[in-house]
N, C-alpha and C. Protein backbone atom coordinates (compact mmCIF):
# COMPACT_ATOMS: atom_id res chain seq x y z
N MET A 1 -63.29 -135.63 80.92
CA MET A 1 -63.64 -136.98 80.76
C MET A 1 -61.90 -137.07 80.47
N SER A 2 -61.33 -138.26 80.49
CA SER A 2 -60.17 -138.66 79.95
C SER A 2 -60.81 -140.37 79.19
N LEU A 3 -59.32 -140.39 78.57
CA LEU A 3 -59.33 -141.70 77.75
C LEU A 3 -58.09 -142.06 77.97
N ARG A 4 -57.68 -143.74 77.32
CA ARG A 4 -56.13 -144.14 77.17
C ARG A 4 -56.01 -144.58 76.40
N ILE A 5 -54.97 -144.12 75.12
CA ILE A 5 -54.29 -144.49 74.07
C ILE A 5 -53.23 -145.44 74.56
N SER A 6 -52.46 -145.99 73.36
CA SER A 6 -51.41 -146.84 73.74
C SER A 6 -50.44 -146.61 74.86
N GLY A 7 -49.93 -147.34 75.22
CA GLY A 7 -48.66 -147.33 76.37
C GLY A 7 -49.38 -146.71 77.46
N LYS A 8 -50.99 -147.22 77.47
CA LYS A 8 -51.95 -146.51 78.80
C LYS A 8 -51.69 -144.80 79.10
N ARG A 9 -51.19 -144.08 78.03
CA ARG A 9 -51.06 -142.74 78.18
C ARG A 9 -52.34 -142.41 78.33
N GLU A 10 -52.90 -141.59 78.98
CA GLU A 10 -53.93 -140.78 79.55
C GLU A 10 -54.16 -139.21 78.93
N LEU A 11 -55.53 -139.19 78.34
CA LEU A 11 -55.78 -138.12 77.54
C LEU A 11 -56.88 -137.53 77.71
N GLN A 12 -56.96 -136.05 78.12
CA GLN A 12 -58.56 -135.47 78.20
C GLN A 12 -58.89 -135.56 77.10
N THR A 13 -60.25 -135.28 77.30
CA THR A 13 -61.42 -134.86 76.29
C THR A 13 -61.82 -133.77 76.24
N PRO A 14 -62.98 -133.07 75.19
CA PRO A 14 -63.65 -132.22 75.39
C PRO A 14 -64.67 -132.45 76.27
N GLU A 15 -65.19 -131.62 77.35
CA GLU A 15 -66.62 -132.01 77.88
C GLU A 15 -67.73 -131.74 76.92
N GLY A 16 -68.82 -133.03 77.49
CA GLY A 16 -70.26 -132.29 76.82
C GLY A 16 -70.29 -133.62 75.60
N LEU A 17 -70.94 -133.84 74.30
CA LEU A 17 -71.46 -135.10 73.71
C LEU A 17 -70.89 -134.35 71.99
N ALA A 18 -70.54 -133.04 72.00
CA ALA A 18 -69.76 -132.43 71.07
C ALA A 18 -68.89 -133.24 70.16
N THR A 19 -67.78 -133.87 71.02
CA THR A 19 -66.75 -134.33 70.46
C THR A 19 -66.88 -135.86 70.41
N ARG A 20 -66.75 -136.85 69.54
CA ARG A 20 -67.28 -138.35 69.73
C ARG A 20 -65.53 -139.04 69.40
N PRO A 21 -65.05 -139.25 70.54
CA PRO A 21 -63.65 -140.27 70.46
C PRO A 21 -63.86 -141.25 69.49
N THR A 22 -63.03 -141.67 68.77
CA THR A 22 -63.28 -142.93 68.06
C THR A 22 -63.06 -143.94 69.13
N PRO A 23 -63.67 -145.23 69.64
CA PRO A 23 -63.64 -145.89 70.22
C PRO A 23 -62.26 -146.61 70.26
N SER A 24 -61.78 -147.29 71.21
CA SER A 24 -60.52 -147.66 71.25
C SER A 24 -60.36 -148.87 71.08
N ARG A 25 -61.54 -149.78 70.57
CA ARG A 25 -61.30 -150.90 69.74
C ARG A 25 -61.06 -150.56 68.23
N VAL A 26 -61.34 -149.63 67.63
CA VAL A 26 -61.50 -149.11 66.07
C VAL A 26 -59.67 -148.77 66.19
N ARG A 27 -59.24 -147.77 67.47
CA ARG A 27 -57.96 -147.37 67.46
C ARG A 27 -57.01 -148.38 67.14
N GLN A 28 -57.28 -149.36 67.92
CA GLN A 28 -56.25 -150.56 68.28
C GLN A 28 -56.46 -151.56 66.81
N ALA A 29 -57.32 -151.17 66.60
CA ALA A 29 -57.53 -152.52 64.83
C ALA A 29 -56.46 -151.66 64.03
N LEU A 30 -57.13 -149.86 63.83
CA LEU A 30 -56.62 -149.49 62.93
C LEU A 30 -54.91 -149.29 62.66
N PHE A 31 -54.20 -149.36 63.91
CA PHE A 31 -52.86 -149.02 64.16
C PHE A 31 -52.39 -150.46 64.28
N ASN A 32 -53.19 -151.67 64.17
CA ASN A 32 -52.61 -152.84 63.92
C ASN A 32 -52.49 -153.45 62.43
N ILE A 33 -53.41 -152.61 61.73
CA ILE A 33 -54.00 -152.48 60.32
C ILE A 33 -52.23 -152.31 59.65
N LEU A 34 -52.29 -150.98 60.30
CA LEU A 34 -51.13 -150.11 59.62
C LEU A 34 -49.59 -150.68 60.50
N GLN A 35 -49.52 -151.15 61.36
CA GLN A 35 -48.70 -151.98 61.98
C GLN A 35 -47.22 -151.96 61.10
N GLY A 36 -46.21 -151.25 61.70
CA GLY A 36 -44.87 -150.70 61.20
C GLY A 36 -44.78 -149.59 59.88
N ARG A 37 -45.81 -148.80 59.52
CA ARG A 37 -46.08 -148.27 58.64
C ARG A 37 -46.10 -147.06 58.66
N VAL A 38 -46.37 -146.54 60.60
CA VAL A 38 -46.47 -144.94 60.68
C VAL A 38 -45.25 -144.41 61.21
N GLU A 39 -43.94 -145.08 61.40
CA GLU A 39 -43.03 -144.29 61.95
C GLU A 39 -42.47 -144.17 61.00
N GLY A 40 -42.23 -142.16 61.11
CA GLY A 40 -41.52 -141.43 60.12
C GLY A 40 -42.32 -140.58 59.24
N CYS A 41 -43.53 -141.08 59.30
CA CYS A 41 -44.94 -140.73 58.24
C CYS A 41 -45.38 -139.56 59.07
N ARG A 42 -46.15 -138.91 57.85
CA ARG A 42 -46.87 -137.49 58.00
C ARG A 42 -48.25 -137.59 57.86
N TRP A 43 -48.99 -137.01 58.70
CA TRP A 43 -49.95 -137.70 59.15
C TRP A 43 -50.89 -136.31 59.55
N LEU A 44 -52.30 -136.48 58.95
CA LEU A 44 -53.35 -135.75 58.89
C LEU A 44 -54.53 -136.38 59.74
N ASP A 45 -54.41 -135.38 61.03
CA ASP A 45 -56.16 -136.40 61.21
C ASP A 45 -57.23 -134.73 61.06
N LEU A 46 -57.96 -135.06 60.22
CA LEU A 46 -58.94 -134.27 59.64
C LEU A 46 -60.47 -134.44 60.35
N CYS A 47 -60.53 -133.18 61.18
CA CYS A 47 -61.95 -133.45 61.73
C CYS A 47 -61.67 -134.10 63.38
N CYS A 48 -60.47 -133.49 63.68
CA CYS A 48 -59.62 -134.69 64.81
C CYS A 48 -60.32 -134.57 66.00
N GLY A 49 -61.61 -133.94 66.63
CA GLY A 49 -62.63 -133.67 67.27
C GLY A 49 -61.60 -133.74 68.76
N ALA A 50 -61.38 -134.70 69.29
CA ALA A 50 -60.47 -134.96 70.88
C ALA A 50 -58.83 -134.95 70.34
N GLY A 51 -58.73 -135.83 69.40
CA GLY A 51 -57.41 -135.63 68.90
C GLY A 51 -56.70 -136.53 69.44
N THR A 52 -57.71 -138.02 69.35
CA THR A 52 -57.32 -139.08 69.74
C THR A 52 -56.05 -140.01 68.77
N ILE A 53 -56.55 -140.03 67.48
CA ILE A 53 -56.24 -140.70 66.45
C ILE A 53 -54.98 -139.65 66.40
N GLY A 54 -54.67 -138.80 66.12
CA GLY A 54 -53.11 -137.65 65.83
C GLY A 54 -52.56 -138.37 67.17
N ALA A 55 -52.67 -138.54 68.06
CA ALA A 55 -52.03 -138.91 69.41
C ALA A 55 -51.47 -140.26 69.14
N GLU A 56 -52.18 -140.99 68.99
CA GLU A 56 -52.11 -142.52 68.78
C GLU A 56 -51.15 -142.56 67.48
N ALA A 57 -51.13 -142.01 66.38
CA ALA A 57 -50.02 -141.45 65.42
C ALA A 57 -48.79 -141.31 65.83
N LEU A 58 -48.85 -140.32 67.33
CA LEU A 58 -47.69 -139.39 67.34
C LEU A 58 -47.00 -140.70 68.44
N CYS A 59 -47.48 -141.88 68.82
CA CYS A 59 -46.98 -142.86 69.66
C CYS A 59 -46.56 -143.55 68.85
N GLN A 60 -46.97 -144.15 68.15
CA GLN A 60 -46.26 -144.76 66.91
C GLN A 60 -45.32 -144.15 65.87
N GLY A 61 -44.77 -143.50 66.47
CA GLY A 61 -43.93 -142.93 65.72
C GLY A 61 -43.50 -142.13 64.67
N ALA A 62 -45.11 -141.44 64.05
CA ALA A 62 -45.13 -140.51 63.09
C ALA A 62 -44.25 -139.42 63.41
N ALA A 63 -43.44 -138.57 62.48
CA ALA A 63 -42.98 -137.92 62.41
C ALA A 63 -43.47 -136.19 62.42
N PHE A 64 -44.75 -135.95 61.52
CA PHE A 64 -45.63 -134.93 61.94
C PHE A 64 -46.65 -135.66 61.81
N VAL A 65 -47.87 -134.51 62.76
CA VAL A 65 -48.93 -134.60 62.50
C VAL A 65 -49.53 -133.55 62.51
N ALA A 66 -50.71 -133.26 61.75
CA ALA A 66 -51.51 -132.03 61.43
C ALA A 66 -53.05 -132.49 62.29
N GLY A 67 -53.66 -131.45 62.90
CA GLY A 67 -55.03 -131.67 63.08
C GLY A 67 -55.66 -130.42 62.54
N ILE A 68 -57.14 -130.50 62.02
CA ILE A 68 -57.66 -129.69 62.07
C ILE A 68 -59.29 -129.96 62.35
N GLU A 69 -59.47 -129.12 63.46
CA GLU A 69 -60.65 -128.96 64.28
C GLU A 69 -61.20 -127.74 64.18
N ILE A 70 -62.59 -127.72 64.17
CA ILE A 70 -63.31 -126.22 64.65
C ILE A 70 -63.68 -125.96 65.67
N ALA A 71 -63.57 -126.69 66.52
CA ALA A 71 -64.00 -126.54 68.25
C ALA A 71 -62.64 -125.76 69.07
N ALA A 72 -62.35 -124.42 69.43
CA ALA A 72 -61.43 -124.23 69.58
C ALA A 72 -61.35 -124.46 71.16
N PRO A 73 -62.17 -124.89 71.81
CA PRO A 73 -61.99 -125.32 73.20
C PRO A 73 -61.40 -127.10 73.46
N ALA A 74 -61.56 -127.90 72.09
CA ALA A 74 -61.26 -128.77 71.61
C ALA A 74 -59.84 -128.69 71.35
N CYS A 75 -59.58 -128.05 70.37
CA CYS A 75 -58.05 -127.37 69.84
C CYS A 75 -57.30 -127.46 71.16
N ARG A 76 -57.74 -126.94 71.83
CA ARG A 76 -56.64 -126.26 73.10
C ARG A 76 -56.14 -127.66 73.69
N ILE A 77 -57.29 -128.79 74.16
CA ILE A 77 -56.95 -129.62 74.51
C ILE A 77 -55.93 -131.06 73.55
N ILE A 78 -56.45 -131.01 72.17
CA ILE A 78 -55.58 -131.58 71.55
C ILE A 78 -53.84 -131.18 71.33
N ARG A 79 -53.92 -129.97 71.49
CA ARG A 79 -52.00 -129.07 71.58
C ARG A 79 -52.00 -130.16 73.03
N ALA A 80 -52.42 -129.55 73.93
CA ALA A 80 -51.87 -130.14 75.19
C ALA A 80 -52.26 -131.78 75.33
N ASN A 81 -52.66 -132.67 74.75
CA ASN A 81 -52.42 -133.75 74.86
C ASN A 81 -51.42 -134.61 73.61
N TRP A 82 -51.23 -133.81 72.43
CA TRP A 82 -50.30 -134.20 71.88
C TRP A 82 -49.11 -133.41 72.17
N ALA A 83 -48.82 -132.06 73.02
CA ALA A 83 -47.38 -132.40 73.70
C ALA A 83 -47.18 -133.15 74.34
N LYS A 84 -48.41 -133.68 75.12
CA LYS A 84 -47.47 -135.10 76.60
C LYS A 84 -47.23 -136.14 75.61
N VAL A 85 -48.04 -136.47 74.27
CA VAL A 85 -46.93 -137.93 73.69
C VAL A 85 -45.66 -137.84 72.65
N ALA A 86 -45.90 -135.97 72.44
CA ALA A 86 -44.61 -135.74 71.20
C ALA A 86 -43.09 -136.20 71.72
N GLN A 87 -42.67 -136.76 70.90
CA GLN A 87 -41.06 -136.84 71.10
C GLN A 87 -40.39 -135.69 71.09
N PRO A 88 -39.40 -135.71 71.04
CA PRO A 88 -38.76 -134.55 71.16
C PRO A 88 -38.43 -133.77 69.15
N GLU A 89 -38.02 -135.03 68.84
CA GLU A 89 -37.93 -135.57 67.36
C GLU A 89 -39.28 -135.58 66.50
N GLN A 90 -40.29 -135.02 67.10
CA GLN A 90 -41.92 -135.33 66.56
C GLN A 90 -41.61 -134.07 66.40
N SER A 91 -43.01 -133.45 65.62
CA SER A 91 -43.73 -132.12 64.96
C SER A 91 -45.04 -132.52 64.98
N PHE A 92 -45.85 -131.33 65.54
CA PHE A 92 -47.12 -131.65 65.61
C PHE A 92 -47.80 -130.34 65.07
N GLN A 93 -48.72 -129.85 64.43
CA GLN A 93 -49.53 -128.62 64.52
C GLN A 93 -50.78 -129.18 64.49
N VAL A 94 -52.02 -127.72 64.80
CA VAL A 94 -52.98 -128.09 64.98
C VAL A 94 -53.83 -126.59 64.93
N ILE A 95 -54.67 -126.77 63.56
CA ILE A 95 -55.25 -125.61 63.01
C ILE A 95 -56.83 -125.58 63.31
N GLN A 96 -57.23 -124.50 63.97
CA GLN A 96 -58.55 -124.39 64.48
C GLN A 96 -58.86 -124.09 63.38
N GLY A 97 -60.35 -124.25 62.78
CA GLY A 97 -61.14 -123.44 61.67
C GLY A 97 -62.09 -124.85 60.89
N ASP A 98 -62.36 -124.18 60.27
CA ASP A 98 -63.58 -124.64 59.35
C ASP A 98 -63.30 -125.48 58.28
N ALA A 99 -63.04 -127.08 58.35
CA ALA A 99 -62.37 -128.07 57.25
C ALA A 99 -62.73 -127.40 56.17
N ARG A 100 -64.03 -127.37 55.75
CA ARG A 100 -64.55 -127.21 54.50
C ARG A 100 -64.01 -125.84 54.11
N LYS A 101 -63.73 -125.29 54.97
CA LYS A 101 -63.13 -123.71 54.21
C LYS A 101 -61.81 -123.50 54.17
N LEU A 102 -60.79 -124.54 55.20
CA LEU A 102 -59.58 -124.82 54.89
C LEU A 102 -59.27 -125.12 53.55
N LEU A 103 -60.00 -126.36 53.29
CA LEU A 103 -59.36 -127.24 52.34
C LEU A 103 -59.93 -126.33 50.85
N ASN A 104 -61.16 -125.64 50.58
CA ASN A 104 -61.02 -125.23 49.60
C ASN A 104 -60.50 -123.72 49.50
N ARG A 105 -59.66 -123.28 50.65
CA ARG A 105 -58.63 -122.65 49.87
C ARG A 105 -57.25 -122.90 49.70
N GLY A 106 -56.98 -124.31 50.15
CA GLY A 106 -55.94 -124.88 50.11
C GLY A 106 -54.95 -124.61 51.06
N LEU A 107 -54.30 -126.18 51.58
CA LEU A 107 -53.44 -125.91 52.43
C LEU A 107 -51.89 -126.08 51.61
N THR A 108 -51.20 -125.12 52.89
CA THR A 108 -49.43 -125.32 52.32
C THR A 108 -48.74 -126.36 53.34
N TRP A 109 -49.11 -127.41 53.07
CA TRP A 109 -48.37 -128.47 53.80
C TRP A 109 -48.15 -129.45 53.05
N ASP A 110 -46.69 -130.34 52.94
CA ASP A 110 -45.76 -131.00 52.25
C ASP A 110 -47.52 -132.08 52.29
N PRO A 111 -47.62 -133.08 51.38
CA PRO A 111 -48.45 -134.41 51.11
C PRO A 111 -48.37 -135.18 52.32
N PHE A 112 -49.50 -135.92 52.34
CA PHE A 112 -49.62 -136.62 53.96
C PHE A 112 -48.85 -138.02 53.32
N ASP A 113 -48.66 -139.20 54.29
CA ASP A 113 -48.77 -140.28 53.96
C ASP A 113 -50.10 -141.20 54.10
N TYR A 114 -50.95 -140.40 55.22
CA TYR A 114 -52.49 -140.96 55.51
C TYR A 114 -52.93 -139.43 56.03
N VAL A 115 -54.12 -139.79 56.14
CA VAL A 115 -55.41 -138.96 55.89
C VAL A 115 -56.32 -139.35 56.67
N TYR A 116 -56.60 -139.36 57.98
CA TYR A 116 -57.75 -139.90 58.88
C TYR A 116 -59.08 -139.09 59.02
N PHE A 117 -59.65 -139.61 58.34
CA PHE A 117 -60.91 -138.07 58.03
C PHE A 117 -62.31 -138.73 59.05
N ALA A 118 -62.45 -138.28 60.04
CA ALA A 118 -63.72 -138.50 60.95
C ALA A 118 -64.29 -137.53 61.86
N PRO A 119 -65.36 -136.83 60.25
CA PRO A 119 -66.36 -135.83 61.09
C PRO A 119 -67.38 -136.33 61.74
N PRO A 120 -68.35 -135.56 62.31
CA PRO A 120 -69.71 -135.84 63.07
C PRO A 120 -70.06 -136.51 62.50
N TYR A 121 -70.50 -137.79 62.13
CA TYR A 121 -71.44 -138.55 61.55
C TYR A 121 -72.41 -137.88 61.11
N GLU A 122 -73.72 -136.91 61.34
CA GLU A 122 -74.81 -136.37 61.03
C GLU A 122 -74.06 -134.70 60.31
N ALA A 123 -73.19 -134.45 60.40
CA ALA A 123 -72.58 -133.18 59.88
C ALA A 123 -72.63 -133.03 58.26
N GLY A 124 -73.23 -133.98 57.86
CA GLY A 124 -73.18 -133.74 56.40
C GLY A 124 -71.46 -133.28 55.61
N LEU A 125 -70.58 -133.71 55.84
CA LEU A 125 -69.01 -133.46 55.84
C LEU A 125 -68.46 -134.23 54.70
N TYR A 126 -69.00 -135.74 54.57
CA TYR A 126 -68.47 -136.45 53.91
C TYR A 126 -68.86 -135.75 52.26
N ALA A 127 -69.60 -135.55 51.36
CA ALA A 127 -70.01 -135.04 50.31
C ALA A 127 -68.86 -134.22 50.03
N PRO A 128 -68.81 -132.77 50.66
CA PRO A 128 -68.45 -131.70 50.47
C PRO A 128 -66.53 -132.22 50.55
N LEU A 129 -66.25 -132.57 52.05
CA LEU A 129 -64.83 -132.55 51.76
C LEU A 129 -64.07 -134.05 50.93
N LEU A 130 -64.79 -135.27 51.06
CA LEU A 130 -63.93 -135.95 50.42
C LEU A 130 -63.34 -135.76 49.23
N PRO A 131 -63.39 -134.94 47.80
CA PRO A 131 -63.12 -134.54 46.82
C PRO A 131 -62.06 -134.03 47.25
N LEU A 132 -61.94 -133.01 48.01
CA LEU A 132 -60.90 -132.11 48.71
C LEU A 132 -59.60 -132.82 49.19
N ILE A 133 -59.77 -134.23 49.29
CA ILE A 133 -58.85 -134.90 50.37
C ILE A 133 -57.46 -135.44 49.40
N PRO A 134 -57.96 -136.18 48.32
CA PRO A 134 -57.03 -136.99 47.47
C PRO A 134 -55.79 -135.66 46.87
N PRO A 135 -55.99 -134.53 46.94
CA PRO A 135 -54.75 -133.47 46.86
C PRO A 135 -53.84 -133.52 48.04
N LEU A 136 -54.14 -133.84 49.15
CA LEU A 136 -53.28 -133.68 50.30
C LEU A 136 -52.62 -134.81 50.66
N LEU A 137 -52.47 -135.97 50.30
CA LEU A 137 -51.96 -137.17 49.83
C LEU A 137 -50.55 -137.49 48.77
N LYS A 138 -49.67 -137.98 49.29
CA LYS A 138 -48.71 -138.25 48.77
C LYS A 138 -48.95 -139.11 47.27
N PRO A 139 -48.84 -138.41 46.14
CA PRO A 139 -49.27 -139.22 45.05
C PRO A 139 -48.89 -140.94 44.79
N GLU A 140 -49.65 -141.87 44.39
CA GLU A 140 -49.61 -142.99 44.70
C GLU A 140 -49.51 -143.70 45.49
N GLN A 141 -49.24 -143.06 46.81
CA GLN A 141 -48.74 -144.06 47.75
C GLN A 141 -49.06 -143.44 49.30
N GLY A 142 -50.40 -142.28 49.41
CA GLY A 142 -50.78 -142.06 50.03
C GLY A 142 -51.76 -142.92 50.62
N ILE A 143 -52.65 -142.73 52.00
CA ILE A 143 -53.83 -143.44 51.96
C ILE A 143 -54.70 -142.65 52.53
N LEU A 144 -55.57 -143.03 52.50
CA LEU A 144 -57.02 -142.06 53.28
C LEU A 144 -58.10 -142.90 53.73
N ILE A 145 -58.29 -142.81 54.90
CA ILE A 145 -58.81 -143.63 55.91
C ILE A 145 -60.19 -142.80 56.34
N VAL A 146 -61.19 -142.88 55.76
CA VAL A 146 -62.96 -142.74 56.51
C VAL A 146 -63.02 -143.57 57.51
N GLU A 147 -63.36 -142.74 58.52
CA GLU A 147 -64.19 -143.31 59.81
C GLU A 147 -65.98 -143.16 59.39
N HIS A 148 -66.92 -143.73 59.60
CA HIS A 148 -67.81 -144.09 59.30
C HIS A 148 -68.88 -144.59 60.21
N ARG A 149 -70.31 -144.53 60.26
CA ARG A 149 -71.49 -145.01 60.69
C ARG A 149 -71.57 -145.92 60.30
N THR A 150 -71.61 -147.37 60.62
CA THR A 150 -71.88 -148.65 59.96
C THR A 150 -73.48 -148.25 59.19
N GLY A 151 -73.26 -149.15 57.85
CA GLY A 151 -74.25 -148.68 57.05
C GLY A 151 -74.21 -147.40 56.36
N TYR A 152 -73.77 -146.79 56.75
CA TYR A 152 -73.63 -145.74 55.62
C TYR A 152 -72.83 -145.78 54.41
N ASP A 153 -73.46 -145.29 53.44
CA ASP A 153 -72.65 -145.87 51.78
C ASP A 153 -71.83 -144.95 51.62
N LEU A 154 -70.61 -145.09 51.48
CA LEU A 154 -69.48 -144.05 51.44
C LEU A 154 -69.18 -144.29 49.35
N PRO A 155 -68.68 -143.55 48.64
CA PRO A 155 -68.82 -143.52 47.28
C PRO A 155 -67.41 -144.50 47.15
N GLU A 156 -66.86 -145.88 46.08
CA GLU A 156 -66.04 -146.69 46.00
C GLU A 156 -64.93 -145.57 45.32
N GLN A 157 -65.16 -144.55 44.63
CA GLN A 157 -64.01 -143.78 44.73
C GLN A 157 -64.29 -142.43 44.74
N VAL A 158 -62.43 -142.16 44.99
CA VAL A 158 -62.99 -140.52 45.50
C VAL A 158 -61.87 -139.79 45.05
N GLY A 159 -62.12 -139.19 43.54
CA GLY A 159 -60.91 -138.23 42.70
C GLY A 159 -60.23 -140.04 42.18
N SER A 160 -58.76 -139.63 42.40
CA SER A 160 -58.37 -141.36 41.79
C SER A 160 -57.70 -142.60 43.05
N LEU A 161 -58.57 -142.00 44.42
CA LEU A 161 -58.35 -142.97 45.04
C LEU A 161 -59.74 -144.49 45.05
N LEU A 162 -59.39 -145.68 45.36
CA LEU A 162 -60.50 -146.12 44.82
C LEU A 162 -60.81 -146.68 46.67
N ARG A 163 -61.75 -147.13 46.88
CA ARG A 163 -61.50 -147.95 48.41
C ARG A 163 -61.20 -149.61 48.04
N SER A 164 -60.27 -149.40 48.87
CA SER A 164 -59.42 -150.82 48.74
C SER A 164 -59.57 -151.39 49.79
N ASP A 165 -60.46 -151.16 50.94
CA ASP A 165 -60.72 -151.98 51.81
C ASP A 165 -61.32 -151.56 53.33
N GLN A 166 -62.24 -152.29 53.36
CA GLN A 166 -63.04 -151.73 54.67
C GLN A 166 -63.26 -152.98 55.71
N ARG A 167 -63.15 -152.14 57.25
CA ARG A 167 -63.63 -152.79 58.10
C ARG A 167 -64.48 -152.48 59.24
N THR A 168 -64.96 -153.26 59.68
CA THR A 168 -66.50 -152.91 60.42
C THR A 168 -66.25 -153.18 61.84
N TYR A 169 -66.54 -152.30 62.60
CA TYR A 169 -66.11 -153.09 64.23
C TYR A 169 -67.43 -152.16 65.29
N GLY A 170 -68.54 -153.39 65.07
CA GLY A 170 -69.87 -152.43 65.81
C GLY A 170 -70.35 -151.23 65.07
N GLN A 171 -70.78 -150.24 66.01
CA GLN A 171 -71.26 -149.48 64.85
C GLN A 171 -70.45 -148.28 63.73
N THR A 172 -69.11 -148.77 63.96
CA THR A 172 -68.35 -147.77 63.18
C THR A 172 -67.44 -148.74 62.10
N THR A 173 -67.43 -147.79 60.93
CA THR A 173 -66.62 -148.77 60.19
C THR A 173 -65.52 -147.93 59.37
N LEU A 174 -64.28 -148.25 59.12
CA LEU A 174 -63.33 -147.83 58.44
C LEU A 174 -63.15 -148.10 57.13
N ALA A 175 -63.14 -147.34 56.02
CA ALA A 175 -62.70 -147.37 54.67
C ALA A 175 -61.55 -146.86 54.29
N PHE A 176 -60.92 -147.49 53.55
CA PHE A 176 -59.23 -147.84 52.88
C PHE A 176 -59.60 -146.98 51.58
N TYR A 177 -58.96 -146.24 51.14
CA TYR A 177 -58.78 -145.38 50.04
C TYR A 177 -57.31 -145.71 49.50
N ARG A 178 -56.73 -145.78 48.51
CA ARG A 178 -55.75 -145.73 47.75
C ARG A 178 -55.46 -145.52 46.22
N ASP A 179 -54.33 -144.51 45.89
CA ASP A 179 -54.33 -144.78 44.54
C ASP A 179 -54.28 -146.56 43.51
N LEU A 180 -55.10 -147.14 43.13
CA LEU A 180 -54.95 -147.61 42.41
C LEU A 180 -54.43 -148.07 41.11
N THR A 181 -54.56 -146.86 40.60
CA THR A 181 -54.16 -146.62 38.74
C THR A 181 -53.28 -147.93 38.38
N ASP A 182 -52.70 -148.00 39.36
CA ASP A 182 -50.96 -149.02 38.33
C ASP A 182 -51.77 -150.58 38.43
N TRP A 183 -52.95 -150.72 39.27
CA TRP A 183 -53.28 -152.13 39.73
C TRP A 183 -54.08 -152.63 38.57
N LEU A 184 -54.57 -151.47 37.88
CA LEU A 184 -55.52 -151.83 37.09
C LEU A 184 -55.31 -152.04 35.54
């Protein structure tokens, strides 16, 4: 199966139902919200599935995009898709592995401007992974974006991050978390 991202670029997706690409309407809305703030950023696509969000971040000018995905076949497709859309001045890295184990061990990457977290909705990954994400973000400026099924109740606070916004698009909701300690 294939799908399209900005600029009508066609990407491949893994076969079967194990991977759920973020709907195009949600991707478009997300990058409209972030308009003008993605260029030159560092982006982490956590539980990246088909890698469409990371590919879109590259198309929007992210300097570096990293992805973590457990399924080896999906990782091969993500690497090929990201190589197709990345410009020479951009870089990316895809790590095949269990996000719980990788985050518990710690990652050696520099902090990210954005972390997009979209686990399989029924995998039970929100509670164990959300507390591990704040240290991956740039202090006081990084933003965590969590995709979840509409109606699922996420916490108002994750570490020092507070939910600052939430947008619903049919069956998919995006929750935005940022460090708002300076605002309190």
